[in-house]
Protein backbone atom coordinates (compact mmCIF):
# COMPACT_ATOMS: atom_id res chain seq x y z
CA UNK A 1 118.86 102.04 111.32
CA UNK A 2 115.82 101.96 113.57
CA UNK A 3 112.03 101.87 113.27
CA UNK A 4 111.72 104.15 116.31
CA UNK A 5 112.95 107.71 116.84
CA UNK A 6 116.60 107.70 117.86
CA UNK A 7 117.34 107.82 121.57
CA UNK A 8 121.06 106.93 121.61
CA UNK A 9 124.19 108.99 121.19
CA UNK A 10 124.92 110.75 117.91
CA UNK A 11 128.55 110.38 116.85
CA UNK A 12 130.53 112.99 114.87
CA UNK A 13 130.41 112.03 111.19
CA UNK A 14 127.64 109.47 111.86
CA UNK A 15 124.85 108.74 109.36
CA UNK A 16 121.46 107.68 110.69
CA UNK A 17 117.95 106.87 109.52
CA UNK A 18 114.70 105.52 110.85
CA UNK A 19 111.24 104.81 109.49
CA UNK A 20 107.78 105.63 110.81
CA UNK A 21 104.85 103.30 110.02
CA UNK A 22 106.49 102.02 106.82
CA UNK A 23 105.67 105.30 105.07
CA UNK A 24 108.05 107.97 106.34
CA UNK A 25 111.83 107.94 106.09
CA UNK A 26 113.92 110.25 108.28
CA UNK A 27 117.63 110.36 107.38
CA UNK A 28 120.43 112.65 108.51
CA UNK A 29 124.18 112.95 108.94
CA UNK A 30 126.00 114.53 111.86
CA UNK A 31 128.84 116.88 110.96
CA UNK A 32 132.39 115.76 111.72
CA UNK A 33 132.93 118.61 114.23
CA UNK A 34 129.88 118.04 116.44
CA UNK A 35 130.47 119.33 119.98
CA UNK A 36 128.49 118.10 122.96
CA UNK A 37 125.68 120.42 123.97
CA UNK A 38 125.90 122.85 121.07
CA UNK A 39 125.73 122.25 117.34
CA UNK A 40 123.63 123.44 114.43
CA UNK A 41 121.97 121.52 111.67
CA UNK A 42 120.45 121.94 108.23
CA UNK A 43 117.17 120.30 107.31
CA UNK A 44 115.62 119.48 103.97
CA UNK A 45 112.38 117.70 103.17
CA UNK A 46 110.43 116.32 100.31
CA UNK A 47 107.41 114.25 99.54
CA UNK A 48 106.58 112.00 96.63
CA UNK A 49 103.01 110.79 97.05
CA UNK A 50 101.63 112.55 93.99
CA UNK A 51 99.99 111.80 91.67
CA UNK A 52 97.99 108.71 92.48
CA UNK A 53 94.53 107.29 92.51
CA UNK A 54 93.14 106.45 95.95
CA UNK A 55 90.34 104.03 96.76
CA UNK A 56 87.34 105.74 98.30
CA UNK A 57 86.02 104.41 101.61
CA UNK A 58 83.24 101.87 101.00
CA UNK A 59 84.24 101.79 97.34
CA UNK A 60 83.04 98.32 96.30
CA UNK A 61 80.15 98.40 93.84
CA UNK A 62 78.59 95.85 91.50
CA UNK A 63 76.84 96.48 88.17
CA UNK A 64 76.32 94.47 84.97
CA UNK A 65 77.97 91.42 86.53
CA UNK A 66 81.19 93.32 87.34
CA UNK A 67 82.74 94.29 90.65
CA UNK A 68 84.06 97.85 90.64
CA UNK A 69 86.01 100.04 93.05
CA UNK A 70 85.34 103.78 93.30
CA UNK A 71 88.49 105.92 93.21
CA UNK A 72 89.48 109.55 93.53
CA UNK A 73 92.40 111.45 92.02
CA UNK A 74 95.05 112.71 94.43
CA UNK A 75 97.66 115.22 93.40
CA UNK A 76 98.19 117.13 90.21
CA UNK A 77 98.86 114.52 87.57
CA UNK A 78 99.05 114.75 83.82
CA UNK A 79 96.05 112.46 83.57
CA UNK A 80 95.84 112.37 79.75
CA UNK A 81 99.14 110.44 79.73
CA UNK A 82 97.52 107.59 81.69
CA UNK A 83 95.04 106.58 78.99
CA UNK A 84 97.42 104.34 77.03
CA UNK A 85 99.19 102.48 79.84
CA UNK A 86 98.44 99.49 82.01
CA UNK A 87 97.56 100.37 85.57
CA UNK A 88 98.02 98.30 88.73
CA UNK A 89 97.08 98.48 92.38
CA UNK A 90 99.63 98.63 95.17
CA UNK A 91 99.85 99.99 98.66
CA UNK A 92 98.99 99.37 102.25
CA UNK A 93 95.67 97.90 103.39
CA UNK A 94 94.23 97.08 106.79
CA UNK A 95 92.64 93.64 107.12
CA UNK A 96 90.20 92.98 109.95
CA UNK A 97 91.10 89.64 111.53
CA UNK A 98 89.32 89.29 114.84
CA UNK A 99 90.26 90.52 117.36
CA UNK A 100 92.77 92.80 115.63
CA UNK A 101 93.55 94.61 112.39
CA UNK A 102 96.64 93.58 110.44
CA UNK A 103 98.52 95.79 108.01
CA UNK A 104 99.35 94.18 104.65
CA UNK A 105 101.30 95.42 101.65
CA UNK A 106 99.78 94.50 98.29
CA UNK A 107 100.71 94.91 94.65
CA UNK A 108 99.32 93.63 91.37
CA UNK A 109 101.05 93.36 88.04
């Protein structure tokens, strides 16, 4: 396991993974008959970020004594199924703390 792209030796039959910026997972296995200098590979991919509701930049608004956040739909959801369920907020946010920005993971129940 690593959080950086692999730079070491790949062993026959080895299983490896690494992450990129806490949002991408790269995983693979090396075949048991790997020969130095020449071997093939198969690749598959997927992505699971849909559907969701994303906060718009500069989304904070106030009206009628309430604080609101503007959102936009992302992905092709079956939105009518969301009307009768509790929603929460979770994800990654950047917090400006002089002199740097810190990344935080948040979730609400």
